[in-house]
Amino acid sequence: ANAQQCAQNLIAELLTKCPIHTTRPDKTLMMSLPPPAIPLPREKSLPKPKEKTKWERFAEKKGIGKKDGRKETGGKVYDEATAEWVNKWGYKGKNKEGEADWIVEVDERKEREMGEGRSVRGEGRRERKDKIRRNERRERANERRGRKGGIDG
C-alpha cells in the first residue's frame, strides 16, 4: 500500500510539473524531465595539486615558457649552408653538424691530450653522447629528489 501511494504521488508530481509533448509521425506522448536539483557527491576527493619541479620553479622565475620557440618552427632551425630548414635534433639534425665531415681539422694540442686509441674524428659525437649521459643522470637525481618529496630550491 505504501509503495502504491509513493508511485501515485510521483506520477501525479510528474504530470503536473513536467511539460508533455507529442511527436508528429506516430503521435507518441513524451515528457521532459526537469534537470537534477541535487548534485551527487564525488566518489573520491579532489586530487591535491602537484608540487612544482625544480625546473618548473626555475622557468617561472626566469620567465621561460613551455617549449619556448618550438611552436613556431616545430623544432627546426634554418641552415644557411643548405638554405633550408633542418631538425635541431635527431636524424640529420643540426646537433650532429660536423660529425660526417670527410675532412677534419686537427689541433695537435688536443690530439696529444686525447691520448692513444682516440681520434679527433669521433670527438663531436663523443661530446654529444657525454652531454646526453650527464643530462640523464641529472634527470634521475631530480626524479629521486622529487619522490622523496624534498625538492630543494
N, C-alpha and C. Protein backbone atom coordinates (compact mmCIF):
# COMPACT_ATOMS: atom_id res chain seq x y z
N ALA A 1 0.83 -1.19 0.00
CA ALA A 1 0.00 0.00 0.00
C ALA A 1 0.88 1.25 0.00
N ASN A 2 1.95 1.22 0.76
CA ASN A 2 2.84 2.37 0.85
C ASN A 2 3.55 2.61 -0.49
N ALA A 3 4.02 1.55 -1.16
CA ALA A 3 4.70 1.66 -2.44
C ALA A 3 3.75 2.20 -3.50
N GLN A 4 2.48 1.73 -3.46
CA GLN A 4 1.49 2.18 -4.42
C GLN A 4 1.23 3.68 -4.25
N GLN A 5 1.15 4.13 -3.02
CA GLN A 5 0.89 5.54 -2.73
C GLN A 5 2.07 6.40 -3.20
N CYS A 6 3.30 5.94 -2.97
CA CYS A 6 4.50 6.67 -3.40
C CYS A 6 4.54 6.78 -4.93
N ALA A 7 4.23 5.68 -5.62
CA ALA A 7 4.23 5.68 -7.08
C ALA A 7 3.19 6.65 -7.62
N GLN A 8 1.99 6.65 -7.03
CA GLN A 8 0.93 7.55 -7.48
C GLN A 8 1.32 9.02 -7.25
N ASN A 9 1.94 9.31 -6.12
CA ASN A 9 2.40 10.67 -5.84
C ASN A 9 3.47 11.12 -6.83
N LEU A 10 4.38 10.22 -7.17
CA LEU A 10 5.45 10.53 -8.13
C LEU A 10 4.86 10.83 -9.50
N ILE A 11 3.93 9.98 -9.96
CA ILE A 11 3.31 10.19 -11.28
C ILE A 11 2.50 11.48 -11.29
N ALA A 12 1.77 11.76 -10.23
CA ALA A 12 0.98 13.00 -10.15
C ALA A 12 1.90 14.22 -10.19
N GLU A 13 3.02 14.14 -9.50
CA GLU A 13 4.00 15.23 -9.49
C GLU A 13 4.57 15.47 -10.88
N LEU A 14 4.91 14.38 -11.58
CA LEU A 14 5.46 14.49 -12.92
C LEU A 14 4.43 15.09 -13.88
N LEU A 15 3.19 14.65 -13.79
CA LEU A 15 2.15 15.13 -14.70
C LEU A 15 1.82 16.60 -14.49
N THR A 16 1.96 17.09 -13.27
CA THR A 16 1.64 18.49 -13.00
C THR A 16 2.81 19.43 -13.30
N LYS A 17 4.05 18.97 -13.09
CA LYS A 17 5.21 19.87 -13.22
C LYS A 17 5.93 19.77 -14.56
N CYS A 18 5.87 18.62 -15.24
CA CYS A 18 6.65 18.42 -16.47
C CYS A 18 5.78 18.64 -17.70
N PRO A 19 6.30 19.34 -18.72
CA PRO A 19 5.53 19.53 -19.96
C PRO A 19 5.45 18.23 -20.76
N ILE A 20 4.29 18.01 -21.39
CA ILE A 20 4.07 16.80 -22.18
C ILE A 20 4.02 17.21 -23.65
N HIS A 21 4.80 16.49 -24.50
CA HIS A 21 4.87 16.77 -25.94
C HIS A 21 4.38 15.56 -26.70
N THR A 22 3.89 15.81 -27.92
CA THR A 22 3.53 14.70 -28.81
C THR A 22 4.41 14.79 -30.03
N THR A 23 4.85 13.63 -30.52
CA THR A 23 5.64 13.60 -31.75
C THR A 23 4.68 13.45 -32.91
N ARG A 24 4.95 14.11 -34.01
CA ARG A 24 4.03 14.16 -35.14
C ARG A 24 3.78 12.83 -35.84
N PRO A 25 4.81 12.11 -36.32
CA PRO A 25 4.52 10.94 -37.17
C PRO A 25 3.72 9.84 -36.46
N ASP A 26 4.16 9.42 -35.27
CA ASP A 26 3.46 8.29 -34.63
C ASP A 26 2.61 8.71 -33.44
N LYS A 27 2.50 10.00 -33.18
CA LYS A 27 1.66 10.57 -32.12
C LYS A 27 1.91 9.95 -30.74
N THR A 28 3.19 9.83 -30.37
CA THR A 28 3.56 9.31 -29.05
C THR A 28 3.68 10.47 -28.08
N LEU A 29 3.33 10.20 -26.85
CA LEU A 29 3.46 11.21 -25.80
C LEU A 29 4.85 11.13 -25.18
N MET A 30 5.47 12.31 -25.01
CA MET A 30 6.79 12.36 -24.38
C MET A 30 6.75 13.41 -23.28
N MET A 31 7.48 13.14 -22.21
CA MET A 31 7.52 14.04 -21.08
C MET A 31 8.97 14.50 -20.87
N SER A 32 9.19 15.81 -20.74
CA SER A 32 10.53 16.35 -20.48
C SER A 32 10.73 16.45 -18.98
N LEU A 33 11.74 15.75 -18.50
CA LEU A 33 12.03 15.75 -17.07
C LEU A 33 12.84 16.98 -16.69
N PRO A 34 12.66 17.50 -15.49
CA PRO A 34 13.45 18.66 -15.05
C PRO A 34 14.90 18.25 -14.80
N PRO A 35 15.81 19.21 -14.87
CA PRO A 35 17.21 18.88 -14.58
C PRO A 35 17.36 18.48 -13.11
N PRO A 36 18.36 17.65 -12.78
CA PRO A 36 18.54 17.23 -11.39
C PRO A 36 18.87 18.41 -10.48
N ALA A 37 18.23 18.44 -9.33
CA ALA A 37 18.42 19.55 -8.39
C ALA A 37 19.45 19.21 -7.32
N ILE A 38 19.69 17.94 -7.07
CA ILE A 38 20.63 17.54 -6.02
C ILE A 38 21.93 17.07 -6.69
N PRO A 39 23.02 17.80 -6.49
CA PRO A 39 24.28 17.34 -7.07
C PRO A 39 24.80 16.11 -6.32
N LEU A 40 25.28 15.15 -7.07
CA LEU A 40 25.79 13.93 -6.44
C LEU A 40 27.23 14.17 -5.97
N PRO A 41 27.61 13.59 -4.84
CA PRO A 41 28.98 13.79 -4.34
C PRO A 41 29.98 12.98 -5.17
N ARG A 42 31.22 13.43 -5.15
CA ARG A 42 32.30 12.70 -5.83
C ARG A 42 32.63 11.43 -5.07
N GLU A 43 33.04 10.40 -5.81
CA GLU A 43 33.44 9.16 -5.17
C GLU A 43 34.76 9.36 -4.42
N LYS A 44 35.67 10.09 -5.09
CA LYS A 44 36.98 10.35 -4.48
C LYS A 44 37.14 11.85 -4.29
N SER A 45 37.99 12.23 -3.36
CA SER A 45 38.21 13.65 -3.12
C SER A 45 39.01 14.24 -4.28
N LEU A 46 39.01 15.56 -4.39
CA LEU A 46 39.77 16.23 -5.45
C LEU A 46 41.26 15.95 -5.26
N PRO A 47 41.98 15.74 -6.38
CA PRO A 47 43.42 15.48 -6.23
C PRO A 47 44.16 16.72 -5.75
N LYS A 48 45.19 16.49 -4.94
CA LYS A 48 46.00 17.59 -4.42
C LYS A 48 46.87 18.13 -5.55
N PRO A 49 47.08 19.44 -5.61
CA PRO A 49 47.93 19.99 -6.68
C PRO A 49 49.36 19.49 -6.52
N LYS A 50 49.98 19.12 -7.66
CA LYS A 50 51.35 18.59 -7.62
C LYS A 50 52.33 19.71 -7.30
N GLU A 51 53.34 19.36 -6.54
CA GLU A 51 54.39 20.31 -6.22
C GLU A 51 55.22 20.54 -7.47
N LYS A 52 55.60 21.79 -7.72
CA LYS A 52 56.37 22.11 -8.93
C LYS A 52 57.78 21.52 -8.82
N THR A 53 58.30 21.08 -9.97
CA THR A 53 59.66 20.56 -10.01
C THR A 53 60.64 21.72 -9.95
N LYS A 54 61.88 21.37 -9.77
CA LYS A 54 62.93 22.38 -9.68
C LYS A 54 62.99 23.18 -10.99
N TRP A 55 62.87 22.50 -12.13
CA TRP A 55 62.91 23.17 -13.42
C TRP A 55 61.70 24.10 -13.59
N GLU A 56 60.51 23.67 -13.21
CA GLU A 56 59.32 24.49 -13.35
C GLU A 56 59.44 25.77 -12.53
N ARG A 57 59.96 25.65 -11.32
CA ARG A 57 60.15 26.84 -10.49
C ARG A 57 61.19 27.78 -11.09
N PHE A 58 62.28 27.20 -11.62
CA PHE A 58 63.33 27.99 -12.26
C PHE A 58 62.78 28.71 -13.49
N ALA A 59 62.02 27.97 -14.32
CA ALA A 59 61.45 28.55 -15.55
C ALA A 59 60.48 29.67 -15.22
N GLU A 60 59.69 29.49 -14.19
CA GLU A 60 58.73 30.51 -13.78
C GLU A 60 59.47 31.76 -13.30
N LYS A 61 60.54 31.55 -12.54
CA LYS A 61 61.33 32.65 -12.00
C LYS A 61 62.00 33.45 -13.12
N LYS A 62 62.50 32.74 -14.14
CA LYS A 62 63.20 33.38 -15.25
C LYS A 62 62.26 33.83 -16.37
N GLY A 63 61.00 33.40 -16.30
CA GLY A 63 60.03 33.80 -17.34
C GLY A 63 60.16 32.99 -18.61
N ILE A 64 60.61 31.75 -18.49
CA ILE A 64 60.76 30.87 -19.64
C ILE A 64 59.44 30.14 -19.85
N GLY A 65 58.93 30.14 -21.08
CA GLY A 65 57.68 29.45 -21.37
C GLY A 65 57.92 27.99 -21.67
N LYS A 66 56.83 27.21 -21.71
CA LYS A 66 56.95 25.80 -22.04
C LYS A 66 57.31 25.65 -23.50
N LYS A 67 58.34 24.84 -23.80
CA LYS A 67 58.80 24.60 -25.15
C LYS A 67 58.94 25.91 -25.91
N ASP A 68 59.62 26.85 -25.29
CA ASP A 68 59.76 28.20 -25.82
C ASP A 68 60.44 28.16 -27.19
N GLY A 69 59.79 28.70 -28.21
CA GLY A 69 60.38 28.79 -29.53
C GLY A 69 60.10 27.61 -30.42
N ARG A 70 59.62 26.50 -29.88
CA ARG A 70 59.37 25.32 -30.71
C ARG A 70 58.04 25.40 -31.45
N LYS A 71 57.10 26.18 -30.91
CA LYS A 71 55.78 26.25 -31.51
C LYS A 71 55.86 26.78 -32.94
N GLU A 72 56.63 27.85 -33.14
CA GLU A 72 56.67 28.50 -34.44
C GLU A 72 57.38 27.64 -35.49
N THR A 73 58.52 27.06 -35.12
CA THR A 73 59.33 26.35 -36.10
C THR A 73 59.16 24.85 -36.06
N GLY A 74 58.54 24.32 -35.03
CA GLY A 74 58.35 22.88 -34.93
C GLY A 74 59.64 22.13 -34.69
N GLY A 75 60.56 22.71 -33.92
CA GLY A 75 61.83 22.03 -33.61
C GLY A 75 62.81 22.07 -34.76
N LYS A 76 62.70 23.07 -35.62
CA LYS A 76 63.61 23.18 -36.78
C LYS A 76 64.37 24.49 -36.71
N VAL A 77 65.55 24.50 -37.32
CA VAL A 77 66.37 25.70 -37.43
C VAL A 77 66.77 25.88 -38.89
N TYR A 78 67.05 27.12 -39.26
CA TYR A 78 67.42 27.41 -40.64
C TYR A 78 68.91 27.19 -40.83
N ASP A 79 69.26 26.38 -41.81
CA ASP A 79 70.65 26.10 -42.12
C ASP A 79 71.06 26.95 -43.32
N GLU A 80 71.95 27.93 -43.10
CA GLU A 80 72.34 28.83 -44.19
C GLU A 80 73.15 28.11 -45.27
N ALA A 81 73.89 27.08 -44.90
CA ALA A 81 74.73 26.37 -45.87
C ALA A 81 73.88 25.68 -46.93
N THR A 82 72.77 25.06 -46.51
CA THR A 82 71.91 24.35 -47.47
C THR A 82 70.68 25.17 -47.84
N ALA A 83 70.48 26.31 -47.19
CA ALA A 83 69.33 27.20 -47.42
C ALA A 83 68.00 26.49 -47.24
N GLU A 84 67.89 25.69 -46.19
CA GLU A 84 66.61 25.04 -45.87
C GLU A 84 66.50 24.79 -44.37
N TRP A 85 65.28 24.48 -43.94
CA TRP A 85 65.03 24.21 -42.52
C TRP A 85 65.39 22.77 -42.21
N VAL A 86 66.17 22.57 -41.14
CA VAL A 86 66.57 21.21 -40.72
C VAL A 86 66.19 21.02 -39.25
N ASN A 87 66.10 19.76 -38.84
CA ASN A 87 65.78 19.44 -37.45
C ASN A 87 66.90 19.91 -36.52
N LYS A 88 66.50 20.35 -35.31
CA LYS A 88 67.51 20.70 -34.31
C LYS A 88 68.19 19.44 -33.80
N TRP A 89 67.38 18.39 -33.60
CA TRP A 89 67.86 17.15 -33.01
C TRP A 89 67.44 15.99 -33.89
N GLY A 90 68.02 14.82 -33.65
CA GLY A 90 67.58 13.60 -34.33
C GLY A 90 68.22 13.40 -35.68
N TYR A 91 67.51 12.69 -36.56
CA TYR A 91 68.01 12.30 -37.87
C TYR A 91 68.37 13.54 -38.68
N LYS A 92 69.61 13.59 -39.15
CA LYS A 92 70.15 14.72 -39.91
C LYS A 92 69.95 16.04 -39.17
N GLY A 93 70.07 15.99 -37.85
CA GLY A 93 69.84 17.18 -37.03
C GLY A 93 71.03 18.11 -37.01
N LYS A 94 70.78 19.35 -36.65
CA LYS A 94 71.82 20.38 -36.57
C LYS A 94 72.83 20.04 -35.48
N ASN A 95 72.39 19.28 -34.46
CA ASN A 95 73.31 18.93 -33.38
C ASN A 95 74.39 17.95 -33.82
N LYS A 96 74.21 17.33 -34.98
CA LYS A 96 75.20 16.37 -35.49
C LYS A 96 76.10 17.00 -36.54
N GLU A 97 76.02 18.33 -36.65
CA GLU A 97 76.81 19.03 -37.65
C GLU A 97 78.30 18.77 -37.42
N GLY A 98 78.99 18.43 -38.45
CA GLY A 98 80.43 18.21 -38.36
C GLY A 98 80.83 16.78 -38.08
N GLU A 99 79.89 15.91 -37.77
CA GLU A 99 80.24 14.51 -37.49
C GLU A 99 80.53 13.73 -38.77
N ALA A 100 79.89 14.10 -39.86
CA ALA A 100 80.05 13.35 -41.11
C ALA A 100 81.00 14.04 -42.08
N ASP A 101 81.74 15.03 -41.60
CA ASP A 101 82.68 15.73 -42.47
C ASP A 101 83.76 14.76 -42.95
N TRP A 102 84.09 14.85 -44.22
CA TRP A 102 85.09 13.92 -44.77
C TRP A 102 86.50 14.39 -44.49
N ILE A 103 86.65 15.67 -44.11
CA ILE A 103 87.96 16.15 -43.72
C ILE A 103 87.80 16.92 -42.41
N VAL A 104 88.71 16.65 -41.46
CA VAL A 104 88.61 17.27 -40.15
C VAL A 104 89.92 17.97 -39.82
N GLU A 105 89.80 19.20 -39.35
CA GLU A 105 90.99 19.94 -38.94
C GLU A 105 91.46 19.40 -37.60
N VAL A 106 92.75 19.12 -37.49
CA VAL A 106 93.28 18.52 -36.27
C VAL A 106 94.09 19.56 -35.50
N ASP A 107 93.76 19.70 -34.23
CA ASP A 107 94.52 20.56 -33.33
C ASP A 107 95.51 19.64 -32.62
N GLU A 108 96.79 19.86 -32.82
CA GLU A 108 97.82 18.96 -32.29
C GLU A 108 97.78 18.88 -30.76
N ARG A 109 97.51 20.02 -30.12
CA ARG A 109 97.47 20.03 -28.66
C ARG A 109 96.33 19.13 -28.16
N LYS A 110 95.16 19.27 -28.76
CA LYS A 110 94.02 18.44 -28.35
C LYS A 110 94.30 16.97 -28.62
N GLU A 111 94.96 16.69 -29.74
CA GLU A 111 95.25 15.29 -30.09
C GLU A 111 96.22 14.67 -29.07
N ARG A 112 97.16 15.46 -28.60
CA ARG A 112 98.08 14.95 -27.59
C ARG A 112 97.36 14.69 -26.27
N GLU A 113 96.42 15.60 -25.92
CA GLU A 113 95.65 15.46 -24.67
C GLU A 113 94.74 14.23 -24.71
N MET A 114 94.24 13.92 -25.90
CA MET A 114 93.31 12.79 -26.03
C MET A 114 93.97 11.46 -25.70
N GLY A 115 95.17 11.33 -26.05
CA GLY A 115 95.86 10.09 -25.75
C GLY A 115 95.69 9.07 -26.87
N GLU A 116 96.18 7.88 -26.60
CA GLU A 116 96.17 6.86 -27.62
C GLU A 116 94.82 6.14 -27.71
N GLY A 117 94.46 5.70 -28.89
CA GLY A 117 93.22 4.94 -29.08
C GLY A 117 92.00 5.81 -29.34
N ARG A 118 92.18 7.12 -29.30
CA ARG A 118 91.06 8.02 -29.57
C ARG A 118 91.45 8.95 -30.71
N SER A 119 90.45 9.28 -31.56
CA SER A 119 90.75 10.16 -32.67
C SER A 119 89.87 11.40 -32.62
N VAL A 120 90.27 12.41 -33.37
CA VAL A 120 89.54 13.66 -33.43
C VAL A 120 88.22 13.46 -34.16
N ARG A 121 88.19 12.51 -35.08
CA ARG A 121 87.01 12.29 -35.92
C ARG A 121 85.74 12.04 -35.10
N GLY A 122 85.82 11.25 -34.07
CA GLY A 122 84.63 10.91 -33.28
C GLY A 122 84.42 11.79 -32.06
N GLU A 123 85.23 12.84 -31.94
CA GLU A 123 85.17 13.66 -30.73
C GLU A 123 83.82 14.39 -30.58
N GLY A 124 83.28 14.92 -31.66
CA GLY A 124 81.99 15.63 -31.60
C GLY A 124 80.88 14.72 -31.13
N ARG A 125 80.85 13.51 -31.68
CA ARG A 125 79.83 12.53 -31.28
C ARG A 125 80.01 12.13 -29.82
N ARG A 126 81.28 11.95 -29.42
CA ARG A 126 81.58 11.56 -28.04
C ARG A 126 81.11 12.64 -27.06
N GLU A 127 81.37 13.91 -27.39
CA GLU A 127 80.95 15.01 -26.53
C GLU A 127 79.42 15.06 -26.42
N ARG A 128 78.75 14.87 -27.57
CA ARG A 128 77.28 14.89 -27.57
C ARG A 128 76.73 13.76 -26.71
N LYS A 129 77.29 12.57 -26.83
CA LYS A 129 76.83 11.43 -26.04
C LYS A 129 77.10 11.65 -24.55
N ASP A 130 78.23 12.28 -24.22
CA ASP A 130 78.53 12.59 -22.82
C ASP A 130 77.51 13.57 -22.25
N LYS A 131 77.14 14.58 -23.06
CA LYS A 131 76.12 15.54 -22.62
C LYS A 131 74.81 14.83 -22.33
N ILE A 132 74.44 13.91 -23.22
CA ILE A 132 73.19 13.16 -23.04
C ILE A 132 73.24 12.35 -21.75
N ARG A 133 74.37 11.67 -21.51
CA ARG A 133 74.52 10.86 -20.28
C ARG A 133 74.43 11.72 -19.03
N ARG A 134 75.11 12.89 -19.05
CA ARG A 134 75.06 13.79 -17.89
C ARG A 134 73.63 14.28 -17.63
N ASN A 135 72.93 14.61 -18.71
CA ASN A 135 71.56 15.08 -18.57
C ASN A 135 70.66 13.99 -18.00
N GLU A 136 70.83 12.74 -18.47
CA GLU A 136 70.04 11.62 -17.94
C GLU A 136 70.33 11.40 -16.47
N ARG A 137 71.60 11.55 -16.08
CA ARG A 137 71.98 11.40 -14.68
C ARG A 137 71.29 12.46 -13.82
N ARG A 138 71.26 13.72 -14.33
CA ARG A 138 70.57 14.80 -13.62
C ARG A 138 69.08 14.52 -13.51
N GLU A 139 68.48 14.01 -14.60
CA GLU A 139 67.05 13.68 -14.58
C GLU A 139 66.74 12.65 -13.51
N ARG A 140 67.58 11.59 -13.44
CA ARG A 140 67.36 10.55 -12.42
C ARG A 140 67.49 11.13 -11.01
N ALA A 141 68.48 12.01 -10.81
CA ALA A 141 68.66 12.62 -9.49
C ALA A 141 67.44 13.48 -9.14
N ASN A 142 66.94 14.24 -10.11
CA ASN A 142 65.74 15.05 -9.87
C ASN A 142 64.54 14.18 -9.56
N GLU A 143 64.42 13.07 -10.27
CA GLU A 143 63.30 12.14 -10.04
C GLU A 143 63.37 11.57 -8.62
N ARG A 144 64.58 11.17 -8.20
CA ARG A 144 64.75 10.65 -6.83
C ARG A 144 64.41 11.72 -5.81
N ARG A 145 64.89 12.94 -6.04
CA ARG A 145 64.64 14.05 -5.13
C ARG A 145 63.14 14.35 -5.06
N GLY A 146 62.46 14.27 -6.21
CA GLY A 146 61.02 14.51 -6.25
C GLY A 146 60.24 13.43 -5.54
N ARG A 147 60.69 12.18 -5.66
CA ARG A 147 60.00 11.07 -4.99
C ARG A 147 60.09 11.19 -3.48
N LYS A 148 61.24 11.69 -3.00
CA LYS A 148 61.40 11.86 -1.56
C LYS A 148 60.49 12.97 -1.04
N GLY A 149 60.11 13.89 -1.92
CA GLY A 149 59.26 14.99 -1.50
C GLY A 149 60.06 16.19 -1.05
N GLY A 150 61.36 16.09 -1.10
CA GLY A 150 62.22 17.18 -0.65
C GLY A 150 62.85 17.91 -1.80
N ILE A 151 62.05 18.56 -2.62
CA ILE A 151 62.62 19.32 -3.74
C ILE A 151 63.21 20.60 -3.17
N ASP A 152 64.52 20.70 -3.28
CA ASP A 152 65.18 21.88 -2.74
C ASP A 152 65.29 22.94 -3.81
N GLY A 153 65.33 24.16 -3.43
CA GLY A 153 65.34 25.27 -4.40
C GLY A 153 66.56 25.99 -4.32
